[in-house]
């Protein structure tokens, strides 16, 4: 069974950056609390950008395609709405699904 990464990339206006970062650190456990994902990573995108914006990526590892579909059907709208209501047009998010084909790690000798 192939694992799926549900990636949410978010552009945040600098004026709300600290408030958003505090909020997302509470929001991620709510998403994980749906039981649809096994883990999440919060990362800052390292790009040269407009001085008024900061970009983050949140990667949720779905347990299965079915779990991701259930997240969309039962959980996503409610969880997305909270961020939209709080930050409105000062936050722009887009979502990508990534299928894990294989994983490699470095082994120590």
PDB file of N, CA and C in Angstrom:
ATOM      1  N   UNK A   1       0.844  -1.179   0.000  1.00  0.00           N
ATOM      2  CA  UNK A   1       0.000   0.000   0.000  1.00  0.00           C
ATOM      3  C   UNK A   1       0.893   1.246   0.000  1.00  0.00           C
ATOM      4  N   UNK A   2       0.651   2.139  -0.930  1.00  0.00           N
ATOM      5  CA  UNK A   2       1.432   3.368  -1.053  1.00  0.00           C
ATOM      6  C   UNK A   2       0.948   4.415  -0.053  1.00  0.00           C
ATOM      7  N   UNK A   3       1.885   5.055   0.606  1.00  0.00           N
ATOM      8  CA  UNK A   3       1.565   6.143   1.527  1.00  0.00           C
ATOM      9  C   UNK A   3       1.402   7.430   0.718  1.00  0.00           C
ATOM     10  N   UNK A   4       0.591   8.328   1.242  1.00  0.00           N
ATOM     11  CA  UNK A   4       0.331   9.598   0.592  1.00  0.00           C
ATOM     12  C   UNK A   4       0.734  10.718   1.551  1.00  0.00           C
ATOM     13  N   UNK A   5       1.435  11.715   1.024  1.00  0.00           N
ATOM     14  CA  UNK A   5       1.706  12.921   1.798  1.00  0.00           C
ATOM     15  C   UNK A   5       0.734  13.988   1.313  1.00  0.00           C
ATOM     16  N   UNK A   6       0.006  14.544   2.253  1.00  0.00           N
ATOM     17  CA  UNK A   6      -0.905  15.664   1.987  1.00  0.00           C
ATOM     18  C   UNK A   6      -0.137  16.909   2.391  1.00  0.00           C
ATOM     19  N   UNK A   7       0.285  17.683   1.397  1.00  0.00           N
ATOM     20  CA  UNK A   7       1.136  18.844   1.615  1.00  0.00           C
ATOM     21  C   UNK A   7       0.305  20.121   1.499  1.00  0.00           C
ATOM     22  N   UNK A   8       0.396  20.969   2.518  1.00  0.00           N
ATOM     23  CA  UNK A   8      -0.282  22.264   2.492  1.00  0.00           C
ATOM     24  C   UNK A   8       0.803  23.340   2.524  1.00  0.00           C
ATOM     25  N   UNK A   9       0.892  24.126   1.450  1.00  0.00           N
ATOM     26  CA  UNK A   9       1.848  25.225   1.383  1.00  0.00           C
ATOM     27  C   UNK A   9       1.083  26.513   1.657  1.00  0.00           C
ATOM     28  N   UNK A  10       1.611  27.313   2.576  1.00  0.00           N
ATOM     29  CA  UNK A  10       0.905  28.507   3.019  1.00  0.00           C
ATOM     30  C   UNK A  10       1.816  29.725   2.926  1.00  0.00           C
ATOM     31  N   UNK A  11       1.324  30.761   2.258  1.00  0.00           N
ATOM     32  CA  UNK A  11       1.965  32.073   2.218  1.00  0.00           C
ATOM     33  C   UNK A  11       1.285  32.945   3.252  1.00  0.00           C
ATOM     34  N   UNK A  12       2.067  33.537   4.157  1.00  0.00           N
ATOM     35  CA  UNK A  12       1.500  34.340   5.231  1.00  0.00           C
ATOM     36  C   UNK A  12       2.093  35.739   5.179  1.00  0.00           C
ATOM     37  N   UNK A  13       1.243  36.737   5.325  1.00  0.00           N
ATOM     38  CA  UNK A  13       1.749  38.104   5.406  1.00  0.00           C
ATOM     39  C   UNK A  13       2.590  38.254   6.667  1.00  0.00           C
ATOM     40  N   UNK A  14       3.701  38.964   6.529  1.00  0.00           N
ATOM     41  CA  UNK A  14       4.615  39.163   7.654  1.00  0.00           C
ATOM     42  C   UNK A  14       3.894  39.749   8.871  1.00  0.00           C
ATOM     43  N   UNK A  15       2.893  40.588   8.649  1.00  0.00           N
ATOM     44  CA  UNK A  15       2.187  41.258   9.752  1.00  0.00           C
ATOM     45  C   UNK A  15       1.480  40.279  10.688  1.00  0.00           C
ATOM     46  N   UNK A  16       1.146  39.080  10.219  1.00  0.00           N
ATOM     47  CA  UNK A  16       0.455  38.094  11.067  1.00  0.00           C
ATOM     48  C   UNK A  16       1.287  36.835  11.266  1.00  0.00           C
ATOM     49  N   UNK A  17       2.537  36.877  10.823  1.00  0.00           N
ATOM     50  CA  UNK A  17       3.396  35.687  10.824  1.00  0.00           C
ATOM     51  C   UNK A  17       3.480  35.018  12.197  1.00  0.00           C
ATOM     52  N   UNK A  18       3.811  35.760  13.237  1.00  0.00           N
ATOM     53  CA  UNK A  18       3.972  35.168  14.575  1.00  0.00           C
ATOM     54  C   UNK A  18       2.652  34.616  15.100  1.00  0.00           C
ATOM     55  N   UNK A  19       1.570  35.337  14.882  1.00  0.00           N
ATOM     56  CA  UNK A  19       0.255  34.874  15.322  1.00  0.00           C
ATOM     57  C   UNK A  19      -0.131  33.588  14.583  1.00  0.00           C
ATOM     58  N   UNK A  20       0.134  33.551  13.269  1.00  0.00           N
ATOM     59  CA  UNK A  20      -0.184  32.361  12.477  1.00  0.00           C
ATOM     60  C   UNK A  20       0.643  31.171  12.945  1.00  0.00           C
ATOM     61  N   UNK A  21       1.943  31.389  13.187  1.00  0.00           N
ATOM     62  CA  UNK A  21       2.826  30.297  13.604  1.00  0.00           C
ATOM     63  C   UNK A  21       2.350  29.691  14.925  1.00  0.00           C
ATOM     64  N   UNK A  22       1.944  30.528  15.844  1.00  0.00           N
ATOM     65  CA  UNK A  22       1.399  30.038  17.116  1.00  0.00           C
ATOM     66  C   UNK A  22       0.107  29.249  16.863  1.00  0.00           C
ATOM     67  N   UNK A  23      -0.745  29.779  16.000  1.00  0.00           N
ATOM     68  CA  UNK A  23      -2.018  29.116  15.689  1.00  0.00           C
ATOM     69  C   UNK A  23      -1.788  27.758  15.018  1.00  0.00           C
ATOM     70  N   UNK A  24      -0.881  27.686  14.037  1.00  0.00           N
ATOM     71  CA  UNK A  24      -0.693  26.437  13.275  1.00  0.00           C
ATOM     72  C   UNK A  24      -0.131  25.342  14.173  1.00  0.00           C
ATOM     73  N   UNK A  25       0.656  25.715  15.170  1.00  0.00           N
ATOM     74  CA  UNK A  25       1.206  24.717  16.097  1.00  0.00           C
ATOM     75  C   UNK A  25       0.116  24.090  16.959  1.00  0.00           C
ATOM     76  N   UNK A  26      -1.012  24.767  17.088  1.00  0.00           N
ATOM     77  CA  UNK A  26      -2.178  24.182  17.754  1.00  0.00           C
ATOM     78  C   UNK A  26      -3.105  23.491  16.759  1.00  0.00           C
ATOM     79  N   UNK A  27      -3.102  23.974  15.526  1.00  0.00           N
ATOM     80  CA  UNK A  27      -3.975  23.420  14.483  1.00  0.00           C
ATOM     81  C   UNK A  27      -3.500  22.031  14.030  1.00  0.00           C
ATOM     82  N   UNK A  28      -2.201  21.839  13.869  1.00  0.00           N
ATOM     83  CA  UNK A  28      -1.662  20.563  13.389  1.00  0.00           C
ATOM     84  C   UNK A  28      -2.111  19.400  14.279  1.00  0.00           C
ATOM     85  N   UNK A  29      -2.027  19.509  15.620  1.00  0.00           N
ATOM     86  CA  UNK A  29      -2.528  18.410  16.454  1.00  0.00           C
ATOM     87  C   UNK A  29      -4.029  18.135  16.260  1.00  0.00           C
ATOM     88  N   UNK A  30      -4.814  19.169  15.906  1.00  0.00           N
ATOM     89  CA  UNK A  30      -6.230  18.946  15.615  1.00  0.00           C
ATOM     90  C   UNK A  30      -6.391  18.108  14.353  1.00  0.00           C
ATOM     91  N   UNK A  31      -5.583  18.395  13.343  1.00  0.00           N
ATOM     92  CA  UNK A  31      -5.637  17.604  12.105  1.00  0.00           C
ATOM     93  C   UNK A  31      -5.205  16.165  12.404  1.00  0.00           C
ATOM     94  N   UNK A  32      -4.126  16.001  13.148  1.00  0.00           N
ATOM     95  CA  UNK A  32      -3.678  14.656  13.515  1.00  0.00           C
ATOM     96  C   UNK A  32      -4.726  13.946  14.365  1.00  0.00           C
ATOM     97  N   UNK A  33      -5.482  14.697  15.143  1.00  0.00           N
ATOM     98  CA  UNK A  33      -6.511  14.140  16.000  1.00  0.00           C
ATOM     99  C   UNK A  33      -7.674  13.519  15.241  1.00  0.00           C
ATOM    100  N   UNK A  34      -7.767  13.774  13.935  1.00  0.00           N
ATOM    101  CA  UNK A  34      -8.810  13.135  13.127  1.00  0.00           C
ATOM    102  C   UNK A  34      -8.544  11.642  12.971  1.00  0.00           C
ATOM    103  N   UNK A  35      -7.302  11.218  13.233  1.00  0.00           N
ATOM    104  CA  UNK A  35      -6.941   9.810  13.066  1.00  0.00           C
ATOM    105  C   UNK A  35      -6.634   9.419  11.636  1.00  0.00           C
ATOM    106  N   UNK A  36      -6.613  10.382  10.721  1.00  0.00           N
ATOM    107  CA  UNK A  36      -6.383  10.085   9.297  1.00  0.00           C
ATOM    108  C   UNK A  36      -4.908  10.105   8.914  1.00  0.00           C
ATOM    109  N   UNK A  37      -4.062  10.674   9.789  1.00  0.00           N
ATOM    110  CA  UNK A  37      -2.640  10.847   9.467  1.00  0.00           C
ATOM    111  C   UNK A  37      -1.782  10.253  10.577  1.00  0.00           C
ATOM    112  N   UNK A  38      -0.595   9.800  10.208  1.00  0.00           N
ATOM    113  CA  UNK A  38       0.300   9.192  11.196  1.00  0.00           C
ATOM    114  C   UNK A  38       1.320  10.181  11.740  1.00  0.00           C
ATOM    115  N   UNK A  39       1.602  11.261  11.001  1.00  0.00           N
ATOM    116  CA  UNK A  39       2.574  12.259  11.458  1.00  0.00           C
ATOM    117  C   UNK A  39       2.443  13.518  10.627  1.00  0.00           C
ATOM    118  N   UNK A  40       3.087  14.580  11.104  1.00  0.00           N
ATOM    119  CA  UNK A  40       3.101  15.838  10.364  1.00  0.00           C
ATOM    120  C   UNK A  40       4.449  16.518  10.576  1.00  0.00           C
ATOM    121  N   UNK A  41       4.870  17.264   9.558  1.00  0.00           N
ATOM    122  CA  UNK A  41       6.085  18.060   9.643  1.00  0.00           C
ATOM    123  C   UNK A  41       5.738  19.492   9.256  1.00  0.00           C
ATOM    124  N   UNK A  42       6.179  20.437  10.063  1.00  0.00           N
ATOM    125  CA  UNK A  42       6.015  21.859   9.764  1.00  0.00           C
ATOM    126  C   UNK A  42       7.375  22.376   9.318  1.00  0.00           C
ATOM    127  N   UNK A  43       7.453  22.901   8.104  1.00  0.00           N
ATOM    128  CA  UNK A  43       8.716  23.388   7.573  1.00  0.00           C
ATOM    129  C   UNK A  43       8.545  24.795   7.009  1.00  0.00           C
ATOM    130  N   UNK A  44       9.617  25.560   7.060  1.00  0.00           N
ATOM    131  CA  UNK A  44       9.629  26.876   6.423  1.00  0.00           C
ATOM    132  C   UNK A  44      10.256  26.697   5.052  1.00  0.00           C
ATOM    133  N   UNK A  45       9.646  27.271   4.043  1.00  0.00           N
ATOM    134  CA  UNK A  45      10.167  27.185   2.680  1.00  0.00           C
ATOM    135  C   UNK A  45      11.276  28.222   2.547  1.00  0.00           C
ATOM    136  N   UNK A  46      12.454  27.751   2.178  1.00  0.00           N
ATOM    137  CA  UNK A  46      13.623  28.635   2.081  1.00  0.00           C
ATOM    138  C   UNK A  46      13.757  29.162   0.661  1.00  0.00           C
ATOM    139  N   UNK A  47      13.096  30.280   0.410  1.00  0.00           N
ATOM    140  CA  UNK A  47      13.161  30.923  -0.903  1.00  0.00           C
ATOM    141  C   UNK A  47      13.319  32.422  -0.696  1.00  0.00           C
ATOM    142  N   UNK A  48      13.884  33.063  -1.700  1.00  0.00           N
ATOM    143  CA  UNK A  48      13.899  34.519  -1.692  1.00  0.00           C
ATOM    144  C   UNK A  48      12.484  34.964  -1.986  1.00  0.00           C
ATOM    145  N   UNK A  49      11.890  35.729  -1.077  1.00  0.00           N
ATOM    146  CA  UNK A  49      10.511  36.123  -1.297  1.00  0.00           C
ATOM    147  C   UNK A  49      10.308  37.590  -1.020  1.00  0.00           C
ATOM    148  N   UNK A  50       9.130  38.006  -1.337  1.00  0.00           N
ATOM    149  CA  UNK A  50       8.679  39.344  -1.016  1.00  0.00           C
ATOM    150  C   UNK A  50       8.905  39.556   0.481  1.00  0.00           C
ATOM    151  N   UNK A  51       9.433  40.686   0.873  1.00  0.00           N
ATOM    152  CA  UNK A  51       9.730  40.941   2.281  1.00  0.00           C
ATOM    153  C   UNK A  51       8.491  40.945   3.153  1.00  0.00           C
ATOM    154  N   UNK A  52       7.323  41.024   2.555  1.00  0.00           N
ATOM    155  CA  UNK A  52       6.090  41.076   3.333  1.00  0.00           C
ATOM    156  C   UNK A  52       5.425  39.719   3.506  1.00  0.00           C
ATOM    157  N   UNK A  53       6.074  38.631   3.058  1.00  0.00           N
ATOM    158  CA  UNK A  53       5.473  37.305   3.151  1.00  0.00           C
ATOM    159  C   UNK A  53       6.469  36.264   3.637  1.00  0.00           C
ATOM    160  N   UNK A  54       5.927  35.234   4.291  1.00  0.00           N
ATOM    161  CA  UNK A  54       6.699  34.080   4.735  1.00  0.00           C
ATOM    162  C   UNK A  54       5.941  32.848   4.248  1.00  0.00           C
ATOM    163  N   UNK A  55       6.667  31.816   3.805  1.00  0.00           N
ATOM    164  CA  UNK A  55       6.024  30.616   3.281  1.00  0.00           C
ATOM    165  C   UNK A  55       6.393  29.404   4.119  1.00  0.00           C
ATOM    166  N   UNK A  56       5.378  28.600   4.425  1.00  0.00           N
ATOM    167  CA  UNK A  56       5.556  27.356   5.175  1.00  0.00           C
ATOM    168  C   UNK A  56       4.935  26.206   4.403  1.00  0.00           C
ATOM    169  N   UNK A  57       5.392  25.006   4.726  1.00  0.00           N
ATOM    170  CA  UNK A  57       4.798  23.785   4.193  1.00  0.00           C
ATOM    171  C   UNK A  57       4.516  22.869   5.375  1.00  0.00           C
ATOM    172  N   UNK A  58       3.299  22.346   5.402  1.00  0.00           N
ATOM    173  CA  UNK A  58       2.947  21.346   6.409  1.00  0.00           C
ATOM    174  C   UNK A  58       2.700  20.047   5.664  1.00  0.00           C
ATOM    175  N   UNK A  59       3.437  19.013   6.015  1.00  0.00           N
ATOM    176  CA  UNK A  59       3.311  17.718   5.344  1.00  0.00           C
ATOM    177  C   UNK A  59       2.713  16.711   6.306  1.00  0.00           C
ATOM    178  N   UNK A  60       1.523  16.268   5.953  1.00  0.00           N
ATOM    179  CA  UNK A  60       0.821  15.250   6.744  1.00  0.00           C
ATOM    180  C   UNK A  60       0.960  13.919   6.029  1.00  0.00           C
ATOM    181  N   UNK A  61       1.377  12.887   6.745  1.00  0.00           N
ATOM    182  CA  UNK A  61       1.501  11.558   6.149  1.00  0.00           C
ATOM    183  C   UNK A  61       0.206  10.793   6.395  1.00  0.00           C
ATOM    184  N   UNK A  62      -0.543  10.570   5.307  1.00  0.00           N
ATOM    185  CA  UNK A  62      -1.814   9.837   5.413  1.00  0.00           C
ATOM    186  C   UNK A  62      -1.530   8.356   5.587  1.00  0.00           C
ATOM    187  N   UNK A  63      -2.351   7.715   6.388  1.00  0.00           N
ATOM    188  CA  UNK A  63      -2.186   6.285   6.607  1.00  0.00           C
ATOM    189  C   UNK A  63      -2.539   5.483   5.354  1.00  0.00           C
ATOM    190  N   UNK A  64      -3.463   6.008   4.540  1.00  0.00           N
ATOM    191  CA  UNK A  64      -3.872   5.339   3.295  1.00  0.00           C
ATOM    192  C   UNK A  64      -4.630   6.336   2.432  1.00  0.00           C
ATOM    193  N   UNK A  65      -4.855   5.971   1.181  1.00  0.00           N
ATOM    194  CA  UNK A  65      -5.659   6.798   0.278  1.00  0.00           C
ATOM    195  C   UNK A  65      -7.075   6.957   0.855  1.00  0.00           C
ATOM    196  N   UNK A  66      -7.582   5.869   1.408  1.00  0.00           N
ATOM    197  CA  UNK A  66      -8.922   5.897   1.998  1.00  0.00           C
ATOM    198  C   UNK A  66      -8.991   6.895   3.158  1.00  0.00           C
ATOM    199  N   UNK A  67      -7.957   6.915   4.003  1.00  0.00           N
ATOM    200  CA  UNK A  67      -7.934   7.873   5.110  1.00  0.00           C
ATOM    201  C   UNK A  67      -7.910   9.306   4.600  1.00  0.00           C
ATOM    202  N   UNK A  68      -7.136   9.566   3.541  1.00  0.00           N
ATOM    203  CA  UNK A  68      -7.101  10.915   2.987  1.00  0.00           C
ATOM    204  C   UNK A  68      -8.460  11.303   2.409  1.00  0.00           C
ATOM    205  N   UNK A  69      -9.082  10.381   1.701  1.00  0.00           N
ATOM    206  CA  UNK A  69     -10.425  10.647   1.161  1.00  0.00           C
ATOM    207  C   UNK A  69     -11.424  10.914   2.281  1.00  0.00           C
ATOM    208  N   UNK A  70     -11.331  10.147   3.372  1.00  0.00           N
ATOM    209  CA  UNK A  70     -12.216  10.369   4.521  1.00  0.00           C
ATOM    210  C   UNK A  70     -11.943  11.722   5.180  1.00  0.00           C
ATOM    211  N   UNK A  71     -10.677  12.125   5.210  1.00  0.00           N
ATOM    212  CA  UNK A  71     -10.344  13.451   5.735  1.00  0.00           C
ATOM    213  C   UNK A  71     -11.049  14.529   4.906  1.00  0.00           C
ATOM    214  N   UNK A  72     -10.936  14.417   3.579  1.00  0.00           N
ATOM    215  CA  UNK A  72     -11.615  15.384   2.708  1.00  0.00           C
ATOM    216  C   UNK A  72     -13.123  15.396   2.961  1.00  0.00           C
ATOM    217  N   UNK A  73     -13.697  14.214   3.079  1.00  0.00           N
ATOM    218  CA  UNK A  73     -15.151  14.102   3.197  1.00  0.00           C
ATOM    219  C   UNK A  73     -15.680  14.570   4.549  1.00  0.00           C
ATOM    220  N   UNK A  74     -14.978  14.230   5.625  1.00  0.00           N
ATOM    221  CA  UNK A  74     -15.541  14.445   6.956  1.00  0.00           C
ATOM    222  C   UNK A  74     -14.885  15.554   7.787  1.00  0.00           C
ATOM    223  N   UNK A  75     -13.638  15.919   7.479  1.00  0.00           N
ATOM    224  CA  UNK A  75     -12.890  16.803   8.382  1.00  0.00           C
ATOM    225  C   UNK A  75     -12.380  18.101   7.759  1.00  0.00           C
ATOM    226  N   UNK A  76     -12.002  18.058   6.498  1.00  0.00           N
ATOM    227  CA  UNK A  76     -11.240  19.156   5.892  1.00  0.00           C
ATOM    228  C   UNK A  76     -11.969  20.493   5.924  1.00  0.00           C
ATOM    229  N   UNK A  77     -13.232  20.530   5.534  1.00  0.00           N
ATOM    230  CA  UNK A  77     -13.941  21.807   5.446  1.00  0.00           C
ATOM    231  C   UNK A  77     -13.966  22.534   6.787  1.00  0.00           C
ATOM    232  N   UNK A  78     -14.273  21.802   7.834  1.00  0.00           N
ATOM    233  CA  UNK A  78     -14.348  22.408   9.175  1.00  0.00           C
ATOM    234  C   UNK A  78     -12.977  22.945   9.606  1.00  0.00           C
ATOM    235  N   UNK A  79     -11.929  22.161   9.362  1.00  0.00           N
ATOM    236  CA  UNK A  79     -10.600  22.566   9.796  1.00  0.00           C
ATOM    237  C   UNK A  79     -10.051  23.719   8.945  1.00  0.00           C
ATOM    238  N   UNK A  80     -10.345  23.733   7.655  1.00  0.00           N
ATOM    239  CA  UNK A  80      -9.898  24.836   6.784  1.00  0.00           C
ATOM    240  C   UNK A  80     -10.593  26.132   7.157  1.00  0.00           C
ATOM    241  N   UNK A  81     -11.872  26.037   7.494  1.00  0.00           N
ATOM    242  CA  UNK A  81     -12.691  27.220   7.766  1.00  0.00           C
ATOM    243  C   UNK A  81     -12.123  28.042   8.917  1.00  0.00           C
ATOM    244  N   UNK A  82     -11.600  27.378   9.931  1.00  0.00           N
ATOM    245  CA  UNK A  82     -11.072  28.086  11.094  1.00  0.00           C
ATOM    246  C   UNK A  82      -9.941  29.040  10.695  1.00  0.00           C
ATOM    247  N   UNK A  83      -9.004  28.556   9.881  1.00  0.00           N
ATOM    248  CA  UNK A  83      -7.889  29.404   9.429  1.00  0.00           C
ATOM    249  C   UNK A  83      -8.353  30.532   8.536  1.00  0.00           C
ATOM    250  N   UNK A  84      -9.301  30.238   7.655  1.00  0.00           N
ATOM    251  CA  UNK A  84      -9.834  31.278   6.766  1.00  0.00           C
ATOM    252  C   UNK A  84     -10.537  32.371   7.552  1.00  0.00           C
ATOM    253  N   UNK A  85     -11.306  31.977   8.563  1.00  0.00           N
ATOM    254  CA  UNK A  85     -12.026  32.965   9.361  1.00  0.00           C
ATOM    255  C   UNK A  85     -11.058  33.817  10.178  1.00  0.00           C
ATOM    256  N   UNK A  86      -9.996  33.198  10.666  1.00  0.00           N
ATOM    257  CA  UNK A  86      -9.043  33.910  11.532  1.00  0.00           C
ATOM    258  C   UNK A  86      -8.115  34.828  10.739  1.00  0.00           C
ATOM    259  N   UNK A  87      -7.637  34.363   9.569  1.00  0.00           N
ATOM    260  CA  UNK A  87      -6.597  35.101   8.854  1.00  0.00           C
ATOM    261  C   UNK A  87      -7.039  35.656   7.498  1.00  0.00           C
ATOM    262  N   UNK A  88      -8.151  35.168   6.975  1.00  0.00           N
ATOM    263  CA  UNK A  88      -8.717  35.708   5.741  1.00  0.00           C
ATOM    264  C   UNK A  88      -7.722  35.817   4.602  1.00  0.00           C
ATOM    265  N   UNK A  89      -7.665  36.995   3.980  1.00  0.00           N
ATOM    266  CA  UNK A  89      -6.832  37.174   2.792  1.00  0.00           C
ATOM    267  C   UNK A  89      -5.369  37.470   3.127  1.00  0.00           C
ATOM    268  N   UNK A  90      -4.985  37.386   4.398  1.00  0.00           N
ATOM    269  CA  UNK A  90      -3.576  37.554   4.776  1.00  0.00           C
ATOM    270  C   UNK A  90      -2.833  36.218   4.699  1.00  0.00           C
ATOM    271  N   UNK A  91      -3.571  35.169   4.328  1.00  0.00           N
ATOM    272  CA  UNK A  91      -3.013  33.824   4.237  1.00  0.00           C
ATOM    273  C   UNK A  91      -3.516  33.196   2.938  1.00  0.00           C
ATOM    274  N   UNK A  92      -2.604  32.632   2.165  1.00  0.00           N
ATOM    275  CA  UNK A  92      -2.972  31.937   0.936  1.00  0.00           C
ATOM    276  C   UNK A  92      -2.418  30.517   1.024  1.00  0.00           C
ATOM    277  N   UNK A  93      -3.297  29.510   0.926  1.00  0.00           N
ATOM    278  CA  UNK A  93      -2.873  28.111   1.053  1.00  0.00           C
ATOM    279  C   UNK A  93      -3.212  27.352  -0.218  1.00  0.00           C
ATOM    280  N   UNK A  94      -2.308  26.467  -0.620  1.00  0.00           N
ATOM    281  CA  UNK A  94      -2.653  25.519  -1.669  1.00  0.00           C
ATOM    282  C   UNK A  94      -2.164  24.143  -1.256  1.00  0.00           C
ATOM    283  N   UNK A  95      -2.872  23.146  -1.752  1.00  0.00           N
ATOM    284  CA  UNK A  95      -2.659  21.771  -1.304  1.00  0.00           C
ATOM    285  C   UNK A  95      -2.196  20.882  -2.441  1.00  0.00           C
ATOM    286  N   UNK A  96      -1.304  19.947  -2.101  1.00  0.00           N
ATOM    287  CA  UNK A  96      -0.760  19.006  -3.071  1.00  0.00           C
ATOM    288  C   UNK A  96      -0.750  17.620  -2.449  1.00  0.00           C
ATOM    289  N   UNK A  97      -1.069  16.609  -3.241  1.00  0.00           N
ATOM    290  CA  UNK A  97      -0.949  15.224  -2.786  1.00  0.00           C
ATOM    291  C   UNK A  97       0.302  14.625  -3.407  1.00  0.00           C
ATOM    292  N   UNK A  98       1.099  13.958  -2.591  1.00  0.00           N
ATOM    293  CA  UNK A  98       2.335  13.324  -3.042  1.00  0.00           C
ATOM    294  C   UNK A  98       2.273  11.838  -2.699  1.00  0.00           C
ATOM    295  N   UNK A  99       2.507  10.999  -3.690  1.00  0.00           N
ATOM    296  CA  UNK A  99       2.548   9.561  -3.441  1.00  0.00           C
ATOM    297  C   UNK A  99       3.987   9.148  -3.186  1.00  0.00           C
ATOM    298  N   UNK A 100       4.219   8.464  -2.077  1.00  0.00           N
ATOM    299  CA  UNK A 100       5.567   7.978  -1.767  1.00  0.00           C
ATOM    300  C   UNK A 100       5.812   6.717  -2.581  1.00  0.00           C
ATOM    301  N   UNK A 101       6.805   6.791  -3.448  1.00  0.00           N
ATOM    302  CA  UNK A 101       7.152   5.653  -4.303  1.00  0.00           C
ATOM    303  C   UNK A 101       8.119   4.719  -3.566  1.00  0.00           C
ATOM    304  N   UNK A 102       9.117   5.303  -2.926  1.00  0.00           N
ATOM    305  CA  UNK A 102      10.096   4.523  -2.178  1.00  0.00           C
ATOM    306  C   UNK A 102      10.770   5.458  -1.187  1.00  0.00           C
ATOM    307  N   UNK A 103      11.349   4.910  -0.157  1.00  0.00           N
ATOM    308  CA  UNK A 103      12.058   5.711   0.834  1.00  0.00           C
ATOM    309  C   UNK A 103      13.439   5.128   1.036  1.00  0.00           C
ATOM    310  N   UNK A 104      14.411   5.999   1.205  1.00  0.00           N
ATOM    311  CA  UNK A 104      15.806   5.596   1.345  1.00  0.00           C
ATOM    312  C   UNK A 104      16.389   6.272   2.576  1.00  0.00           C
ATOM    313  N   UNK A 105      17.222   5.550   3.285  1.00  0.00           N
ATOM    314  CA  UNK A 105      17.913   6.127   4.434  1.00  0.00           C
ATOM    315  C   UNK A 105      19.386   5.778   4.349  1.00  0.00           C
ATOM    316  N   UNK A 106      20.186   6.560   5.012  1.00  0.00           N
ATOM    317  CA  UNK A 106      21.617   6.298   5.079  1.00  0.00           C
ATOM    318  C   UNK A 106      21.852   5.305   6.207  1.00  0.00           C
ATOM    319  N   UNK A 107      22.589   4.261   5.930  1.00  0.00           N
ATOM    320  CA  UNK A 107      22.910   3.292   6.972  1.00  0.00           C
ATOM    321  C   UNK A 107      24.354   3.512   7.409  1.00  0.00           C
ATOM    322  N   UNK A 108      24.574   3.468   8.709  1.00  0.00           N
ATOM    323  CA  UNK A 108      25.902   3.664   9.273  1.00  0.00           C
ATOM    324  C   UNK A 108      26.618   2.325   9.349  1.00  0.00           C
ATOM    325  N   UNK A 109      27.891   2.324   8.978  1.00  0.00           N
ATOM    326  CA  UNK A 109      28.693   1.080   9.067  1.00  0.00           C
ATOM    327  C   UNK A 109      29.497   1.051  10.332  1.00  0.00           C
TER     328      UNK A 109
END
